C-alpha atoms as a PDB file:
ATOM      1  CA  UNK A   1       0.107   0.032  -0.006  1.00  0.00           C
ATOM      2  CA  UNK A   2       2.822   2.519   0.673  1.00  0.00           C
ATOM      3  CA  UNK A   3       3.820   2.128  -2.937  1.00  0.00           C
ATOM      4  CA  UNK A   4       0.640   3.034  -3.947  1.00  0.00           C
ATOM      5  CA  UNK A   5       0.641   6.105  -1.660  1.00  0.00           C
ATOM      6  CA  UNK A   6       3.840   6.805  -3.032  1.00  0.00           C
ATOM      7  CA  UNK A   7       2.983   6.877  -6.468  1.00  0.00           C
ATOM      8  CA  UNK A   8      -0.329   8.992  -5.912  1.00  0.00           C
ATOM      9  CA  UNK A   9      -2.782   5.602  -6.959  1.00  0.00           C
ATOM     10  CA  UNK A  10      -5.170   6.685  -4.353  1.00  0.00           C
ATOM     11  CA  UNK A  11      -7.635   4.022  -6.129  1.00  0.00           C
ATOM     12  CA  UNK A  12      -5.632   1.290  -4.524  1.00  0.00           C
ATOM     13  CA  UNK A  13      -4.154   2.904  -1.638  1.00  0.00           C
ATOM     14  CA  UNK A  14      -7.295   3.811   0.397  1.00  0.00           C
ATOM     15  CA  UNK A  15      -8.952   0.506   1.785  1.00  0.00           C
ATOM     16  CA  UNK A  16     -10.833  -0.922   4.645  1.00  0.00           C
ATOM     17  CA  UNK A  17      -8.177  -3.247   5.933  1.00  0.00           C
ATOM     18  CA  UNK A  18      -5.015  -1.142   6.946  1.00  0.00           C
ATOM     19  CA  UNK A  19      -4.994   2.323   8.014  1.00  0.00           C
ATOM     20  CA  UNK A  20      -2.806   4.768   6.179  1.00  0.00           C
ATOM     21  CA  UNK A  21      -0.452   5.965   9.200  1.00  0.00           C
ATOM     22  CA  UNK A  22       2.183   3.394   8.805  1.00  0.00           C
ATOM     23  CA  UNK A  23       2.374   3.418   4.988  1.00  0.00           C
ATOM     24  CA  UNK A  24       2.631   7.471   5.231  1.00  0.00           C
ATOM     25  CA  UNK A  25       5.601   6.790   7.205  1.00  0.00           C
ATOM     26  CA  UNK A  26       7.062   4.311   4.548  1.00  0.00           C
ATOM     27  CA  UNK A  27       6.495   7.153   1.537  1.00  0.00           C
ATOM     28  CA  UNK A  28       9.279   9.422   2.055  1.00  0.00           C
ATOM     29  CA  UNK A  29      11.846   6.193   2.157  1.00  0.00           C
ATOM     30  CA  UNK A  30      10.249   5.089  -0.665  1.00  0.00           C
ATOM     31  CA  UNK A  31      10.726   8.270  -2.820  1.00  0.00           C
ATOM     32  CA  UNK A  32      14.244   8.216  -1.618  1.00  0.00           C
ATOM     33  CA  UNK A  33      14.419   4.438  -3.575  1.00  0.00           C
ATOM     34  CA  UNK A  34      14.592   2.548  -0.288  1.00  0.00           C
ATOM     35  CA  UNK A  35      13.206  -1.062  -0.864  1.00  0.00           C
ATOM     36  CA  UNK A  36       9.854  -1.297   0.267  1.00  0.00           C
ATOM     37  CA  UNK A  37      10.639  -4.161   3.165  1.00  0.00           C
ATOM     38  CA  UNK A  38      13.737  -1.596   4.378  1.00  0.00           C
ATOM     39  CA  UNK A  39      11.065   1.177   4.255  1.00  0.00           C
ATOM     40  CA  UNK A  40       8.966  -1.044   6.430  1.00  0.00           C
ATOM     41  CA  UNK A  41      11.651  -1.945   9.085  1.00  0.00           C
ATOM     42  CA  UNK A  42      12.527   2.106   9.249  1.00  0.00           C
ATOM     43  CA  UNK A  43       8.783   2.709   9.619  1.00  0.00           C
ATOM     44  CA  UNK A  44       8.700   0.203  12.329  1.00  0.00           C
ATOM     45  CA  UNK A  45      11.601   1.727  13.670  1.00  0.00           C
ATOM     46  CA  UNK A  46       9.841   5.243  14.036  1.00  0.00           C
ATOM     47  CA  UNK A  47       7.231   3.224  15.688  1.00  0.00           C
ATOM     48  CA  UNK A  48       9.102   1.989  18.113  1.00  0.00           C
ATOM     49  CA  UNK A  49      10.301   5.006  19.259  1.00  0.00           C
ATOM     50  CA  UNK A  50       6.947   6.722  19.084  1.00  0.00           C
ATOM     51  CA  UNK A  51       5.727   3.913  21.341  1.00  0.00           C
ATOM     52  CA  UNK A  52       8.922   4.251  23.966  1.00  0.00           C
ATOM     53  CA  UNK A  53       8.181   7.728  24.354  1.00  0.00           C
ATOM     54  CA  UNK A  54       4.495   7.685  24.425  1.00  0.00           C
ATOM     55  CA  UNK A  55       4.772   5.127  27.365  1.00  0.00           C
ATOM     56  CA  UNK A  56       7.134   7.233  29.287  1.00  0.00           C
ATOM     57  CA  UNK A  57       4.949  10.136  28.816  1.00  0.00           C
ATOM     58  CA  UNK A  58       1.910   7.947  30.021  1.00  0.00           C
ATOM     59  CA  UNK A  59       4.087   6.919  33.307  1.00  0.00           C
ATOM     60  CA  UNK A  60       5.135  10.461  33.899  1.00  0.00           C
ATOM     61  CA  UNK A  61       1.327  11.613  33.690  1.00  0.00           C
ATOM     62  CA  UNK A  62       0.437   8.932  36.075  1.00  0.00           C
ATOM     63  CA  UNK A  63       2.744  10.319  38.617  1.00  0.00           C
ATOM     64  CA  UNK A  64       5.089   7.250  38.886  1.00  0.00           C
ATOM     65  CA  UNK A  65       8.427   7.645  40.421  1.00  0.00           C
ATOM     66  CA  UNK A  66      11.853   8.115  38.947  1.00  0.00           C
ATOM     67  CA  UNK A  67      12.572   4.325  39.774  1.00  0.00           C
ATOM     68  CA  UNK A  68       9.321   2.999  38.334  1.00  0.00           C
ATOM     69  CA  UNK A  69      10.135   5.094  35.048  1.00  0.00           C
ATOM     70  CA  UNK A  70      13.575   3.804  34.959  1.00  0.00           C
ATOM     71  CA  UNK A  71      11.901   0.184  35.267  1.00  0.00           C
ATOM     72  CA  UNK A  72       9.527   0.763  32.392  1.00  0.00           C
ATOM     73  CA  UNK A  73      11.983   2.241  30.397  1.00  0.00           C
ATOM     74  CA  UNK A  74      14.750  -0.492  30.789  1.00  0.00           C
ATOM     75  CA  UNK A  75      11.379  -3.317  30.100  1.00  0.00           C
ATOM     76  CA  UNK A  76      10.631  -1.544  26.961  1.00  0.00           C
ATOM     77  CA  UNK A  77      14.177  -1.004  25.804  1.00  0.00           C
ATOM     78  CA  UNK A  78      14.434  -4.692  26.078  1.00  0.00           C
ATOM     79  CA  UNK A  79      11.211  -5.724  24.448  1.00  0.00           C
ATOM     80  CA  UNK A  80      10.370  -3.153  21.959  1.00  0.00           C
ATOM     81  CA  UNK A  81      13.519  -4.055  19.625  1.00  0.00           C
ATOM     82  CA  UNK A  82      12.272  -7.775  19.134  1.00  0.00           C
ATOM     83  CA  UNK A  83       8.784  -6.483  18.462  1.00  0.00           C
ATOM     84  CA  UNK A  84      10.000  -3.966  15.620  1.00  0.00           C
ATOM     85  CA  UNK A  85      12.342  -6.573  13.877  1.00  0.00           C
ATOM     86  CA  UNK A  86       9.743  -9.381  14.001  1.00  0.00           C
ATOM     87  CA  UNK A  87       6.352  -7.662  12.882  1.00  0.00           C
ATOM     88  CA  UNK A  88       5.568  -5.090  10.290  1.00  0.00           C
ATOM     89  CA  UNK A  89       2.297  -3.846  11.911  1.00  0.00           C
ATOM     90  CA  UNK A  90       0.815  -0.592  13.087  1.00  0.00           C
ATOM     91  CA  UNK A  91       0.167  -1.904  16.709  1.00  0.00           C
ATOM     92  CA  UNK A  92       3.381  -0.123  18.341  1.00  0.00           C
ATOM     93  CA  UNK A  93       2.207   3.113  16.492  1.00  0.00           C
ATOM     94  CA  UNK A  94      -1.209   3.103  17.485  1.00  0.00           C
ATOM     95  CA  UNK A  95      -0.192   1.940  21.078  1.00  0.00           C
ATOM     96  CA  UNK A  96       2.341   4.668  21.380  1.00  0.00           C
ATOM     97  CA  UNK A  97      -0.194   7.263  20.092  1.00  0.00           C
ATOM     98  CA  UNK A  98      -2.862   5.814  22.410  1.00  0.00           C
ATOM     99  CA  UNK A  99      -0.242   6.349  25.234  1.00  0.00           C
ATOM    100  CA  UNK A 100       0.386   9.864  24.479  1.00  0.00           C
ATOM    101  CA  UNK A 101      -3.545  10.711  24.385  1.00  0.00           C
ATOM    102  CA  UNK A 102      -4.001   8.755  27.795  1.00  0.00           C
ATOM    103  CA  UNK A 103      -1.114  10.725  29.382  1.00  0.00           C
ATOM    104  CA  UNK A 104      -2.758  13.977  27.905  1.00  0.00           C
ATOM    105  CA  UNK A 105      -6.225  13.029  29.206  1.00  0.00           C
ATOM    106  CA  UNK A 106      -4.645  12.790  33.040  1.00  0.00           C
END
């Protein structure tokens, strides 16, 4: 789908199966000539960063202490890389955005 977005083929880019956000993250890399799978991995890297920072934002918003924040950061740093490298899915990105939204709502 990111290839459809990058070429402007909206007839196939818009569908009911995938949301467009992960594909939109891939488009700039495809414009630079990066292969599709590598562009997906780069988008997952960005998604992992969003999830990491969103989760820490939520921890701070809840008011947990510095030790708790450090524990969460270590657990995230150990688990996010395996999720990023094994799957190409918008779950990390959506989870990170939800964490930011929940933290903002508190």
